[in-house]
Amino acid sequence: MSNEPMSSHMEDYLETIALLIEEHGHAHARDVARRLNVKMPSVTSALKQLAARGCLDYEPNMPVLLTPLGRRLAEDVLKKHGILRHFFQHILLLPPGAANRLACRIEHEVDERAVQAVRTLTLAIESRPDCAALRHHLHETLAGTQSVPDKMIVNSETGE
């Protein structure tokens, strides 16, 4: 088992496996490949690495099973993703696809403290009576981003 930090790609595999299990009751390597749009050799290599780290049980041609460690790590990534996506979509009023893609990119880079700060901010903006003026201001100034096609929303620094 490795103590090295997990790469964003490995976190994506865990997240995808957890979602497939949630949706279908099981996850197979070919389903992971399809969902992530990668080739089978890449999936096989990643699954072997995750198995070596104690995150899953993997045998070729068998369903992939998350270990308790793998399930906890996947749940952590999914939780971060959900909090960030909700903030981008419901507070910053980004279109759903753009909010989802941005959450995918950021979820691997922020620590738990930052995610909890975003969650606290989101809850305050959404529910506190003294934030009504802020909600109104955000809706008025950001609502126009809803009409921008998802693929038009780019990072102004990198152009991506």
N, C-alpha and C. Protein backbone atom coordinates (compact mmCIF):
# COMPACT_ATOMS: atom_id res chain seq x y z
N MET A 1 0.85 -1.18 0.00
CA MET A 1 0.00 0.00 0.00
C MET A 1 0.89 1.24 0.00
N SER A 2 0.59 2.21 -0.85
CA SER A 2 1.40 3.41 -0.99
C SER A 2 0.87 4.55 -0.13
N ASN A 3 1.81 5.33 0.41
CA ASN A 3 1.42 6.51 1.18
C ASN A 3 1.49 7.77 0.33
N GLU A 4 1.87 7.63 -0.92
CA GLU A 4 1.94 8.78 -1.81
C GLU A 4 0.53 9.33 -2.04
N PRO A 5 0.44 10.65 -2.25
CA PRO A 5 -0.88 11.23 -2.55
C PRO A 5 -1.46 10.59 -3.83
N MET A 6 -2.75 10.45 -3.83
CA MET A 6 -3.41 9.85 -5.00
C MET A 6 -3.55 10.90 -6.09
N SER A 7 -3.26 10.51 -7.32
CA SER A 7 -3.38 11.43 -8.45
C SER A 7 -4.85 11.70 -8.76
N SER A 8 -5.10 12.79 -9.46
CA SER A 8 -6.47 13.12 -9.84
C SER A 8 -7.06 12.04 -10.74
N HIS A 9 -6.22 11.42 -11.57
CA HIS A 9 -6.72 10.36 -12.44
C HIS A 9 -7.19 9.15 -11.63
N MET A 10 -6.43 8.80 -10.61
CA MET A 10 -6.83 7.66 -9.77
C MET A 10 -8.11 7.99 -9.00
N GLU A 11 -8.22 9.24 -8.55
CA GLU A 11 -9.46 9.65 -7.88
C GLU A 11 -10.64 9.57 -8.85
N ASP A 12 -10.41 9.93 -10.11
CA ASP A 12 -11.47 9.83 -11.12
C ASP A 12 -11.92 8.38 -11.30
N TYR A 13 -10.97 7.45 -11.27
CA TYR A 13 -11.33 6.04 -11.39
C TYR A 13 -12.18 5.60 -10.20
N LEU A 14 -11.76 5.97 -8.99
CA LEU A 14 -12.54 5.59 -7.81
C LEU A 14 -13.95 6.19 -7.86
N GLU A 15 -14.02 7.46 -8.24
CA GLU A 15 -15.30 8.14 -8.34
C GLU A 15 -16.21 7.44 -9.35
N THR A 16 -15.65 7.11 -10.49
CA THR A 16 -16.42 6.45 -11.55
C THR A 16 -16.89 5.07 -11.12
N ILE A 17 -16.02 4.31 -10.48
CA ILE A 17 -16.39 2.98 -10.00
C ILE A 17 -17.53 3.08 -8.99
N ALA A 18 -17.41 4.02 -8.06
CA ALA A 18 -18.47 4.20 -7.05
C ALA A 18 -19.80 4.57 -7.71
N LEU A 19 -19.75 5.46 -8.70
CA LEU A 19 -20.99 5.86 -9.38
C LEU A 19 -21.60 4.69 -10.16
N LEU A 20 -20.76 3.90 -10.82
CA LEU A 20 -21.27 2.74 -11.56
C LEU A 20 -21.91 1.73 -10.61
N ILE A 21 -21.29 1.51 -9.48
CA ILE A 21 -21.86 0.58 -8.49
C ILE A 21 -23.19 1.12 -7.98
N GLU A 22 -23.23 2.43 -7.72
CA GLU A 22 -24.47 3.05 -7.25
C GLU A 22 -25.58 2.93 -8.30
N GLU A 23 -25.24 3.14 -9.56
CA GLU A 23 -26.23 3.13 -10.63
C GLU A 23 -26.66 1.74 -11.06
N HIS A 24 -25.70 0.79 -11.10
CA HIS A 24 -25.98 -0.52 -11.68
C HIS A 24 -25.80 -1.69 -10.71
N GLY A 25 -25.30 -1.40 -9.52
CA GLY A 25 -25.06 -2.47 -8.57
C GLY A 25 -23.71 -3.15 -8.74
N HIS A 26 -22.98 -2.78 -9.79
CA HIS A 26 -21.67 -3.37 -10.05
C HIS A 26 -20.90 -2.46 -11.00
N ALA A 27 -19.59 -2.71 -11.08
CA ALA A 27 -18.75 -1.97 -12.02
C ALA A 27 -17.79 -2.97 -12.66
N HIS A 28 -17.73 -2.95 -13.97
CA HIS A 28 -16.78 -3.76 -14.72
C HIS A 28 -15.79 -2.83 -15.39
N ALA A 29 -14.60 -3.35 -15.66
CA ALA A 29 -13.54 -2.55 -16.27
C ALA A 29 -14.01 -1.90 -17.57
N ARG A 30 -14.76 -2.63 -18.38
CA ARG A 30 -15.21 -2.07 -19.67
C ARG A 30 -16.18 -0.90 -19.47
N ASP A 31 -16.98 -0.97 -18.39
CA ASP A 31 -17.89 0.14 -18.09
C ASP A 31 -17.11 1.37 -17.63
N VAL A 32 -16.05 1.15 -16.87
CA VAL A 32 -15.18 2.24 -16.44
C VAL A 32 -14.54 2.89 -17.66
N ALA A 33 -14.03 2.05 -18.57
CA ALA A 33 -13.40 2.57 -19.79
C ALA A 33 -14.38 3.41 -20.60
N ARG A 34 -15.59 2.91 -20.75
CA ARG A 34 -16.62 3.62 -21.50
C ARG A 34 -16.95 4.97 -20.85
N ARG A 35 -17.15 4.95 -19.53
CA ARG A 35 -17.55 6.15 -18.80
C ARG A 35 -16.45 7.22 -18.84
N LEU A 36 -15.19 6.79 -18.72
CA LEU A 36 -14.09 7.75 -18.71
C LEU A 36 -13.53 8.03 -20.10
N ASN A 37 -14.05 7.29 -21.09
CA ASN A 37 -13.60 7.45 -22.47
C ASN A 37 -12.10 7.20 -22.60
N VAL A 38 -11.67 6.07 -22.02
CA VAL A 38 -10.27 5.66 -22.10
C VAL A 38 -10.21 4.23 -22.61
N LYS A 39 -9.03 3.82 -23.01
CA LYS A 39 -8.85 2.46 -23.55
C LYS A 39 -8.66 1.46 -22.42
N MET A 40 -9.01 0.20 -22.70
CA MET A 40 -8.97 -0.86 -21.69
C MET A 40 -7.59 -1.03 -21.05
N PRO A 41 -6.48 -0.96 -21.81
CA PRO A 41 -5.18 -1.11 -21.13
C PRO A 41 -4.95 -0.04 -20.05
N SER A 42 -5.45 1.17 -20.29
CA SER A 42 -5.31 2.22 -19.28
C SER A 42 -6.13 1.88 -18.04
N VAL A 43 -7.32 1.36 -18.24
CA VAL A 43 -8.19 0.98 -17.12
C VAL A 43 -7.54 -0.16 -16.33
N THR A 44 -7.06 -1.17 -17.04
CA THR A 44 -6.43 -2.31 -16.38
C THR A 44 -5.25 -1.86 -15.53
N SER A 45 -4.42 -0.99 -16.07
CA SER A 45 -3.27 -0.47 -15.34
C SER A 45 -3.72 0.29 -14.09
N ALA A 46 -4.71 1.16 -14.24
CA ALA A 46 -5.21 1.95 -13.11
C ALA A 46 -5.82 1.05 -12.04
N LEU A 47 -6.60 0.06 -12.46
CA LEU A 47 -7.23 -0.84 -11.49
C LEU A 47 -6.19 -1.63 -10.72
N LYS A 48 -5.13 -2.04 -11.39
CA LYS A 48 -4.05 -2.77 -10.71
C LYS A 48 -3.36 -1.86 -9.69
N GLN A 49 -3.14 -0.60 -10.07
CA GLN A 49 -2.52 0.35 -9.14
C GLN A 49 -3.42 0.60 -7.93
N LEU A 50 -4.71 0.76 -8.17
CA LEU A 50 -5.64 0.99 -7.07
C LEU A 50 -5.75 -0.23 -6.17
N ALA A 51 -5.69 -1.42 -6.76
CA ALA A 51 -5.71 -2.65 -5.97
C ALA A 51 -4.45 -2.73 -5.11
N ALA A 52 -3.31 -2.35 -5.67
CA ALA A 52 -2.05 -2.38 -4.91
C ALA A 52 -2.08 -1.39 -3.75
N ARG A 53 -2.85 -0.34 -3.89
CA ARG A 53 -2.97 0.66 -2.81
C ARG A 53 -4.03 0.27 -1.78
N GLY A 54 -4.71 -0.84 -2.02
CA GLY A 54 -5.71 -1.30 -1.07
C GLY A 54 -7.07 -0.65 -1.24
N CYS A 55 -7.30 -0.03 -2.42
CA CYS A 55 -8.55 0.70 -2.65
C CYS A 55 -9.64 -0.16 -3.26
N LEU A 56 -9.26 -1.24 -3.91
CA LEU A 56 -10.27 -2.09 -4.53
C LEU A 56 -9.75 -3.51 -4.70
N ASP A 57 -10.69 -4.41 -4.93
CA ASP A 57 -10.36 -5.79 -5.28
C ASP A 57 -10.62 -5.90 -6.77
N TYR A 58 -9.60 -6.34 -7.50
CA TYR A 58 -9.73 -6.43 -8.95
C TYR A 58 -9.18 -7.74 -9.45
N GLU A 59 -9.99 -8.42 -10.22
CA GLU A 59 -9.57 -9.60 -10.96
C GLU A 59 -10.15 -9.45 -12.37
N PRO A 60 -9.35 -9.72 -13.40
CA PRO A 60 -9.85 -9.57 -14.77
C PRO A 60 -11.16 -10.35 -14.96
N ASN A 61 -12.06 -9.75 -15.73
CA ASN A 61 -13.35 -10.35 -16.09
C ASN A 61 -14.31 -10.53 -14.91
N MET A 62 -14.02 -9.85 -13.81
CA MET A 62 -14.89 -9.90 -12.64
C MET A 62 -15.30 -8.48 -12.29
N PRO A 63 -16.42 -8.31 -11.59
CA PRO A 63 -16.77 -6.95 -11.15
C PRO A 63 -15.68 -6.37 -10.24
N VAL A 64 -15.50 -5.08 -10.35
CA VAL A 64 -14.54 -4.37 -9.50
C VAL A 64 -15.24 -4.05 -8.18
N LEU A 65 -14.58 -4.36 -7.08
CA LEU A 65 -15.16 -4.13 -5.76
C LEU A 65 -14.32 -3.11 -5.00
N LEU A 66 -14.97 -2.10 -4.47
CA LEU A 66 -14.27 -1.12 -3.64
C LEU A 66 -14.05 -1.71 -2.25
N THR A 67 -12.87 -1.52 -1.71
CA THR A 67 -12.60 -1.88 -0.32
C THR A 67 -13.17 -0.76 0.55
N PRO A 68 -13.21 -0.94 1.85
CA PRO A 68 -13.65 0.17 2.71
C PRO A 68 -12.82 1.44 2.48
N LEU A 69 -11.50 1.30 2.29
CA LEU A 69 -10.66 2.46 2.01
C LEU A 69 -11.06 3.10 0.68
N GLY A 70 -11.23 2.30 -0.35
CA GLY A 70 -11.62 2.82 -1.66
C GLY A 70 -12.98 3.49 -1.63
N ARG A 71 -13.90 2.91 -0.89
CA ARG A 71 -15.25 3.49 -0.76
C ARG A 71 -15.16 4.86 -0.05
N ARG A 72 -14.36 4.94 1.01
CA ARG A 72 -14.21 6.20 1.74
C ARG A 72 -13.58 7.27 0.85
N LEU A 73 -12.53 6.90 0.13
CA LEU A 73 -11.88 7.87 -0.76
C LEU A 73 -12.82 8.33 -1.88
N ALA A 74 -13.57 7.39 -2.46
CA ALA A 74 -14.53 7.74 -3.51
C ALA A 74 -15.61 8.66 -2.97
N GLU A 75 -16.12 8.34 -1.77
CA GLU A 75 -17.15 9.19 -1.15
C GLU A 75 -16.62 10.60 -0.89
N ASP A 76 -15.35 10.70 -0.48
CA ASP A 76 -14.76 12.03 -0.25
C ASP A 76 -14.72 12.84 -1.54
N VAL A 77 -14.32 12.21 -2.64
CA VAL A 77 -14.26 12.92 -3.92
C VAL A 77 -15.67 13.29 -4.38
N LEU A 78 -16.61 12.37 -4.26
CA LEU A 78 -17.99 12.65 -4.66
C LEU A 78 -18.59 13.78 -3.84
N LYS A 79 -18.28 13.81 -2.55
CA LYS A 79 -18.79 14.87 -1.68
C LYS A 79 -18.23 16.22 -2.12
N LYS A 80 -16.93 16.29 -2.34
CA LYS A 80 -16.30 17.53 -2.82
C LYS A 80 -16.94 17.97 -4.12
N HIS A 81 -17.09 17.02 -5.04
CA HIS A 81 -17.67 17.32 -6.35
C HIS A 81 -19.06 17.92 -6.20
N GLY A 82 -19.88 17.29 -5.37
CA GLY A 82 -21.25 17.76 -5.20
C GLY A 82 -21.33 19.15 -4.61
N ILE A 83 -20.51 19.42 -3.61
CA ILE A 83 -20.50 20.75 -2.98
C ILE A 83 -20.06 21.80 -3.99
N LEU A 84 -18.98 21.52 -4.71
CA LEU A 84 -18.46 22.48 -5.68
C LEU A 84 -19.44 22.69 -6.84
N ARG A 85 -19.99 21.59 -7.37
CA ARG A 85 -20.95 21.70 -8.47
C ARG A 85 -22.16 22.53 -8.05
N HIS A 86 -22.67 22.27 -6.86
CA HIS A 86 -23.82 23.02 -6.37
C HIS A 86 -23.49 24.51 -6.28
N PHE A 87 -22.33 24.85 -5.74
CA PHE A 87 -21.91 26.25 -5.64
C PHE A 87 -21.83 26.90 -7.02
N PHE A 88 -21.18 26.23 -7.96
CA PHE A 88 -21.03 26.81 -9.30
C PHE A 88 -22.37 26.96 -10.02
N GLN A 89 -23.24 25.98 -9.85
CA GLN A 89 -24.51 26.00 -10.56
C GLN A 89 -25.55 26.89 -9.87
N HIS A 90 -25.66 26.85 -8.56
CA HIS A 90 -26.75 27.54 -7.87
C HIS A 90 -26.37 28.88 -7.27
N ILE A 91 -25.09 29.11 -7.02
CA ILE A 91 -24.67 30.40 -6.50
C ILE A 91 -24.09 31.26 -7.62
N LEU A 92 -23.17 30.67 -8.40
CA LEU A 92 -22.57 31.42 -9.51
C LEU A 92 -23.38 31.32 -10.79
N LEU A 93 -24.43 30.51 -10.78
CA LEU A 93 -25.38 30.37 -11.89
C LEU A 93 -24.74 29.93 -13.20
N LEU A 94 -23.72 29.07 -13.10
CA LEU A 94 -23.14 28.49 -14.32
C LEU A 94 -24.09 27.42 -14.86
N PRO A 95 -24.10 27.21 -16.15
CA PRO A 95 -24.92 26.13 -16.70
C PRO A 95 -24.48 24.79 -16.10
N PRO A 96 -25.41 23.83 -16.00
CA PRO A 96 -25.08 22.55 -15.35
C PRO A 96 -23.84 21.86 -15.90
N GLY A 97 -23.69 21.80 -17.20
CA GLY A 97 -22.51 21.13 -17.77
C GLY A 97 -21.22 21.82 -17.40
N ALA A 98 -21.21 23.14 -17.45
CA ALA A 98 -20.01 23.89 -17.08
C ALA A 98 -19.72 23.75 -15.60
N ALA A 99 -20.76 23.78 -14.77
CA ALA A 99 -20.58 23.62 -13.32
C ALA A 99 -19.99 22.26 -13.01
N ASN A 100 -20.47 21.24 -13.69
CA ASN A 100 -19.98 19.88 -13.48
C ASN A 100 -18.52 19.75 -13.90
N ARG A 101 -18.18 20.26 -15.08
CA ARG A 101 -16.79 20.16 -15.56
C ARG A 101 -15.83 20.92 -14.65
N LEU A 102 -16.23 22.09 -14.20
CA LEU A 102 -15.39 22.89 -13.33
C LEU A 102 -15.19 22.18 -11.98
N ALA A 103 -16.26 21.61 -11.45
CA ALA A 103 -16.15 20.86 -10.20
C ALA A 103 -15.19 19.68 -10.38
N CYS A 104 -15.26 19.01 -11.52
CA CYS A 104 -14.36 17.88 -11.80
C CYS A 104 -12.90 18.31 -11.78
N ARG A 105 -12.63 19.47 -12.30
CA ARG A 105 -11.25 19.94 -12.36
C ARG A 105 -10.74 20.39 -11.00
N ILE A 106 -11.61 20.99 -10.22
CA ILE A 106 -11.18 21.59 -8.95
C ILE A 106 -11.20 20.61 -7.79
N GLU A 107 -12.09 19.61 -7.83
CA GLU A 107 -12.26 18.71 -6.69
C GLU A 107 -10.97 18.04 -6.26
N HIS A 108 -10.04 17.86 -7.17
CA HIS A 108 -8.79 17.18 -6.86
C HIS A 108 -7.74 18.11 -6.27
N GLU A 109 -7.98 19.40 -6.38
CA GLU A 109 -6.98 20.38 -5.97
C GLU A 109 -7.25 21.03 -4.63
N VAL A 110 -8.49 21.01 -4.18
CA VAL A 110 -8.84 21.71 -2.93
C VAL A 110 -8.88 20.73 -1.76
N ASP A 111 -8.48 21.25 -0.61
CA ASP A 111 -8.51 20.40 0.58
C ASP A 111 -9.88 20.48 1.25
N GLU A 112 -10.05 19.66 2.26
CA GLU A 112 -11.34 19.56 2.94
C GLU A 112 -11.75 20.89 3.58
N ARG A 113 -10.80 21.61 4.12
CA ARG A 113 -11.11 22.90 4.75
C ARG A 113 -11.71 23.88 3.75
N ALA A 114 -11.12 23.95 2.57
CA ALA A 114 -11.63 24.86 1.54
C ALA A 114 -13.02 24.45 1.07
N VAL A 115 -13.24 23.15 0.91
CA VAL A 115 -14.56 22.66 0.48
C VAL A 115 -15.61 22.99 1.53
N GLN A 116 -15.25 22.82 2.79
CA GLN A 116 -16.21 23.14 3.85
C GLN A 116 -16.50 24.63 3.91
N ALA A 117 -15.50 25.45 3.58
CA ALA A 117 -15.73 26.90 3.52
C ALA A 117 -16.70 27.23 2.39
N VAL A 118 -16.54 26.58 1.25
CA VAL A 118 -17.47 26.79 0.13
C VAL A 118 -18.87 26.34 0.53
N ARG A 119 -18.95 25.22 1.22
CA ARG A 119 -20.25 24.71 1.68
C ARG A 119 -20.92 25.70 2.65
N THR A 120 -20.14 26.21 3.60
CA THR A 120 -20.67 27.17 4.57
C THR A 120 -21.14 28.43 3.87
N LEU A 121 -20.35 28.92 2.93
CA LEU A 121 -20.72 30.11 2.17
C LEU A 121 -22.00 29.86 1.37
N THR A 122 -22.08 28.72 0.72
CA THR A 122 -23.26 28.37 -0.08
C THR A 122 -24.51 28.33 0.79
N LEU A 123 -24.41 27.64 1.92
CA LEU A 123 -25.57 27.54 2.81
C LEU A 123 -26.00 28.91 3.32
N ALA A 124 -25.02 29.76 3.64
CA ALA A 124 -25.35 31.11 4.13
C ALA A 124 -26.05 31.91 3.04
N ILE A 125 -25.50 31.90 1.85
CA ILE A 125 -26.10 32.68 0.75
C ILE A 125 -27.50 32.17 0.44
N GLU A 126 -27.68 30.86 0.47
CA GLU A 126 -28.98 30.29 0.11
C GLU A 126 -30.05 30.46 1.19
N SER A 127 -29.64 30.53 2.45
CA SER A 127 -30.67 30.44 3.50
C SER A 127 -30.75 31.59 4.48
N ARG A 128 -29.72 32.37 4.61
CA ARG A 128 -29.78 33.44 5.63
C ARG A 128 -30.61 34.62 5.13
N PRO A 129 -31.52 35.10 5.97
CA PRO A 129 -32.33 36.27 5.57
C PRO A 129 -31.48 37.51 5.27
N ASP A 130 -30.37 37.66 5.99
CA ASP A 130 -29.54 38.83 5.75
C ASP A 130 -28.72 38.73 4.46
N CYS A 131 -28.85 37.62 3.75
CA CYS A 131 -28.18 37.45 2.46
C CYS A 131 -29.14 37.63 1.28
N ALA A 132 -30.37 38.02 1.57
CA ALA A 132 -31.37 38.18 0.50
C ALA A 132 -30.90 39.17 -0.55
N ALA A 133 -30.33 40.29 -0.12
CA ALA A 133 -29.85 41.29 -1.08
C ALA A 133 -28.71 40.73 -1.92
N LEU A 134 -27.84 39.95 -1.30
CA LEU A 134 -26.75 39.32 -2.04
C LEU A 134 -27.29 38.32 -3.06
N ARG A 135 -28.27 37.49 -2.65
CA ARG A 135 -28.88 36.53 -3.58
C ARG A 135 -29.46 37.27 -4.78
N HIS A 136 -30.17 38.35 -4.51
CA HIS A 136 -30.78 39.14 -5.58
C HIS A 136 -29.70 39.72 -6.49
N HIS A 137 -28.65 40.27 -5.90
CA HIS A 137 -27.55 40.85 -6.69
C HIS A 137 -26.88 39.78 -7.56
N LEU A 138 -26.59 38.63 -6.98
CA LEU A 138 -25.96 37.56 -7.75
C LEU A 138 -26.86 37.11 -8.90
N HIS A 139 -28.13 36.97 -8.62
CA HIS A 139 -29.05 36.53 -9.67
C HIS A 139 -29.10 37.56 -10.81
N GLU A 140 -29.17 38.84 -10.44
CA GLU A 140 -29.23 39.88 -11.47
C GLU A 140 -27.94 39.97 -12.28
N THR A 141 -26.81 39.88 -11.63
CA THR A 141 -25.54 40.08 -12.34
C THR A 141 -25.00 38.82 -13.00
N LEU A 142 -25.36 37.66 -12.49
CA LEU A 142 -24.82 36.42 -13.03
C LEU A 142 -25.79 35.63 -13.89
N ALA A 143 -27.05 35.99 -13.87
CA ALA A 143 -28.05 35.21 -14.60
C ALA A 143 -27.74 35.16 -16.09
N GLY A 144 -27.07 36.15 -16.63
CA GLY A 144 -26.70 36.15 -18.04
C GLY A 144 -25.78 35.03 -18.43
N THR A 145 -25.05 34.47 -17.46
CA THR A 145 -24.15 33.36 -17.80
C THR A 145 -24.92 32.11 -18.17
N GLN A 146 -26.21 32.05 -17.81
CA GLN A 146 -27.03 30.90 -18.17
C GLN A 146 -27.19 30.78 -19.67
N SER A 147 -27.14 31.92 -20.36
CA SER A 147 -27.37 31.88 -21.81
C SER A 147 -26.09 31.59 -22.59
N VAL A 148 -24.93 31.54 -21.92
CA VAL A 148 -23.68 31.25 -22.59
C VAL A 148 -23.57 29.74 -22.74
N PRO A 149 -23.35 29.24 -23.97
CA PRO A 149 -23.21 27.79 -24.14
C PRO A 149 -22.09 27.25 -23.27
N ASP A 150 -22.27 26.04 -22.73
CA ASP A 150 -21.29 25.42 -21.85
C ASP A 150 -19.88 25.47 -22.43
N LYS A 151 -19.75 25.16 -23.72
CA LYS A 151 -18.41 25.08 -24.30
C LYS A 151 -17.76 26.45 -24.45
N MET A 152 -18.52 27.54 -24.24
CA MET A 152 -17.97 28.88 -24.35
C MET A 152 -17.35 29.34 -23.04
N ILE A 153 -17.62 28.63 -21.94
CA ILE A 153 -17.07 29.03 -20.65
C ILE A 153 -15.67 28.45 -20.55
N VAL A 154 -14.68 29.34 -20.50
CA VAL A 154 -13.28 28.93 -20.48
C VAL A 154 -12.54 29.62 -19.35
N ASN A 155 -11.40 29.07 -19.04
CA ASN A 155 -10.51 29.68 -18.07
C ASN A 155 -9.80 30.83 -18.75
N SER A 156 -9.94 32.05 -18.23
CA SER A 156 -9.38 33.22 -18.89
C SER A 156 -7.86 33.22 -18.88
N GLU A 157 -7.24 32.50 -17.93
CA GLU A 157 -5.79 32.46 -17.86
C GLU A 157 -5.20 31.44 -18.83
N THR A 158 -5.83 30.26 -18.92
CA THR A 158 -5.26 29.20 -19.76
C THR A 158 -5.94 29.08 -21.11
N GLY A 159 -7.14 29.64 -21.24
CA GLY A 159 -7.88 29.52 -22.48
C GLY A 159 -8.58 28.18 -22.63
N GLU A 160 -8.53 27.34 -21.59
CA GLU A 160 -9.18 26.01 -21.66
C GLU A 160 -10.62 26.10 -21.29
